[in-house]
C-alpha atoms as a PDB file:
ATOM      1  CA  MET A   1       0.000   0.000   0.000  1.00  0.00           C
ATOM      2  CA  PRO A   2       1.504   3.414  -0.964  1.00  0.00           C
ATOM      3  CA  ALA A   3       2.417   5.872   1.763  1.00  0.00           C
ATOM      4  CA  ALA A   4       0.000   8.731   2.377  1.00  0.00           C
ATOM      5  CA  VAL A   5       0.920  12.075   0.913  1.00  0.00           C
ATOM      6  CA  LYS A   6       1.825  14.551   3.621  1.00  0.00           C
ATOM      7  CA  LYS A   7      -0.488  17.546   3.595  1.00  0.00           C
ATOM      8  CA  LEU A   8       0.562  21.149   3.957  1.00  0.00           C
ATOM      9  CA  PRO A   9      -0.176  22.857   7.267  1.00  0.00           C
ATOM     10  CA  ALA A  10      -3.396  24.896   7.561  1.00  0.00           C
ATOM     11  CA  ARG A  11      -1.449  28.164   7.810  1.00  0.00           C
ATOM     12  CA  THR A  12      -0.503  27.844   4.107  1.00  0.00           C
ATOM     13  CA  MET A  13      -4.143  28.157   3.005  1.00  0.00           C
ATOM     14  CA  HIS A  14      -3.980  31.985   2.866  1.00  0.00           C
ATOM     15  CA  PHE A  15      -1.221  31.630   0.244  1.00  0.00           C
ATOM     16  CA  ALA A  16      -2.251  28.404  -1.526  1.00  0.00           C
ATOM     17  CA  LEU A  17      -5.866  29.368  -2.238  1.00  0.00           C
ATOM     18  CA  PRO A  18      -5.144  32.606  -4.139  1.00  0.00           C
ATOM     19  CA  LEU A  19      -2.210  30.897  -5.871  1.00  0.00           C
ATOM     20  CA  ALA A  20      -4.429  28.098  -7.186  1.00  0.00           C
ATOM     21  CA  LEU A  21      -7.390  30.351  -8.013  1.00  0.00           C
ATOM     22  CA  THR A  22      -5.366  32.915  -9.940  1.00  0.00           C
ATOM     23  CA  PHE A  23      -3.394  30.189 -11.710  1.00  0.00           C
ATOM     24  CA  VAL A  24      -6.503  28.490 -13.090  1.00  0.00           C
ATOM     25  CA  MET A  25      -8.643  31.580 -13.704  1.00  0.00           C
ATOM     26  CA  THR A  26      -5.983  33.590 -15.532  1.00  0.00           C
ATOM     27  CA  PHE A  27      -5.026  30.544 -17.596  1.00  0.00           C
ATOM     28  CA  LEU A  28      -8.589  29.989 -18.782  1.00  0.00           C
ATOM     29  CA  VAL A  29      -9.535  33.646 -19.262  1.00  0.00           C
ATOM     30  CA  SER A  30      -6.332  34.509 -21.118  1.00  0.00           C
ATOM     31  CA  GLY A  31      -6.880  31.450 -23.325  1.00  0.00           C
ATOM     32  CA  VAL A  32     -10.383  32.544 -24.268  1.00  0.00           C
ATOM     33  CA  ALA A  33      -9.206  36.124 -24.867  1.00  0.00           C
ATOM     34  CA  THR A  34      -6.278  34.966 -26.998  1.00  0.00           C
ATOM     35  CA  ILE A  35      -8.428  32.684 -29.138  1.00  0.00           C
ATOM     36  CA  ARG A  36     -11.013  35.422 -29.614  1.00  0.00           C
ATOM     37  CA  ALA A  37      -8.327  37.943 -30.567  1.00  0.00           C
ATOM     38  CA  ILE A  38      -6.217  35.864 -32.980  1.00  0.00           C
ATOM     39  CA  GLY A  39      -8.158  32.649 -33.518  1.00  0.00           C
ATOM     40  CA  PHE A  40      -6.392  29.309 -33.787  1.00  0.00           C
ATOM     41  CA  ALA A  41      -3.263  30.769 -35.370  1.00  0.00           C
ATOM     42  CA  ASP A  42       0.057  28.928 -35.625  1.00  0.00           C
ATOM     43  CA  ASP A  43       1.522  30.932 -32.741  1.00  0.00           C
ATOM     44  CA  MET A  44      -1.623  30.822 -30.600  1.00  0.00           C
ATOM     45  CA  TRP A  45      -0.105  28.598 -27.890  1.00  0.00           C
ATOM     46  CA  SER A  46       2.978  30.787 -27.357  1.00  0.00           C
ATOM     47  CA  ARG A  47       0.909  33.973 -27.372  1.00  0.00           C
ATOM     48  CA  TRP A  48      -1.559  32.403 -24.926  1.00  0.00           C
ATOM     49  CA  ILE A  49       1.235  31.466 -22.513  1.00  0.00           C
ATOM     50  CA  GLU A  50       2.791  34.939 -22.757  1.00  0.00           C
ATOM     51  CA  SER A  51      -0.582  36.511 -22.047  1.00  0.00           C
ATOM     52  CA  TRP A  52      -1.275  34.114 -19.200  1.00  0.00           C
ATOM     53  CA  LEU A  53       2.056  34.758 -17.483  1.00  0.00           C
ATOM     54  CA  ALA A  54       1.608  38.523 -17.718  1.00  0.00           C
ATOM     55  CA  THR A  55      -1.888  38.344 -16.235  1.00  0.00           C
ATOM     56  CA  TRP A  56      -0.973  35.832 -13.535  1.00  0.00           C
ATOM     57  CA  ILE A  57       1.991  37.915 -12.359  1.00  0.00           C
ATOM     58  CA  LEU A  58      -0.439  40.786 -11.857  1.00  0.00           C
ATOM     59  CA  ALA A  59      -3.424  38.803 -10.541  1.00  0.00           C
ATOM     60  CA  PHE A  60      -1.672  36.803  -7.808  1.00  0.00           C
ATOM     61  CA  PRO A  61      -0.417  39.695  -5.657  1.00  0.00           C
ATOM     62  CA  ILE A  62      -3.696  41.552  -6.186  1.00  0.00           C
ATOM     63  CA  MET A  63      -5.599  38.492  -4.966  1.00  0.00           C
ATOM     64  CA  LEU A  64      -3.300  38.156  -1.934  1.00  0.00           C
ATOM     65  CA  PHE A  65      -4.166  41.731  -0.988  1.00  0.00           C
ATOM     66  CA  LEU A  66      -7.871  41.705  -1.879  1.00  0.00           C
ATOM     67  CA  MET A  67      -9.007  38.383  -0.371  1.00  0.00           C
ATOM     68  CA  PRO A  68      -8.844  39.559   3.260  1.00  0.00           C
ATOM     69  CA  VAL A  69     -10.280  42.956   2.330  1.00  0.00           C
ATOM     70  CA  MET A  70     -13.219  41.394   0.494  1.00  0.00           C
ATOM     71  CA  ARG A  71     -13.753  38.874   3.298  1.00  0.00           C
ATOM     72  CA  ARG A  72     -14.090  41.719   5.824  1.00  0.00           C
ATOM     73  CA  LEU A  73     -16.450  43.666   3.550  1.00  0.00           C
ATOM     74  CA  LEU A  74     -18.635  40.637   2.861  1.00  0.00           C
ATOM     75  CA  LEU A  75     -18.830  39.710   6.544  1.00  0.00           C
ATOM     76  CA  ARG A  76     -20.680  43.011   7.011  1.00  0.00           C
ATOM     77  CA  ILE A  77     -23.529  41.841   4.769  1.00  0.00           C
ATOM     78  CA  ILE A  78     -23.448  38.034   5.129  1.00  0.00           C
ATOM     79  CA  GLU A  79     -24.658  36.304   8.248  1.00  0.00           C
ATOM     80  CA  LEU A  80     -22.613  33.227   9.134  1.00  0.00           C
ATOM     81  CA  LYS A  81     -24.453  30.415  10.868  1.00  0.00           C
END
């Protein structure tokens, strides 16, 4: 039986969640935008990756900053039970 994979500690969630979310979202959105802009051109893949990296580099630190801010704002209008 294979050994269990060791999980990361809970304190890494504040970093791992925005990392994963921005990684996936910017990848998909930049892909759609690239295809809409240039279609399925020969250099589509390289242009998609360039676009994705540029957007992810911007989106990740913004998400790190905005997640706690948005959480505090939303807690003012959402009742937790």
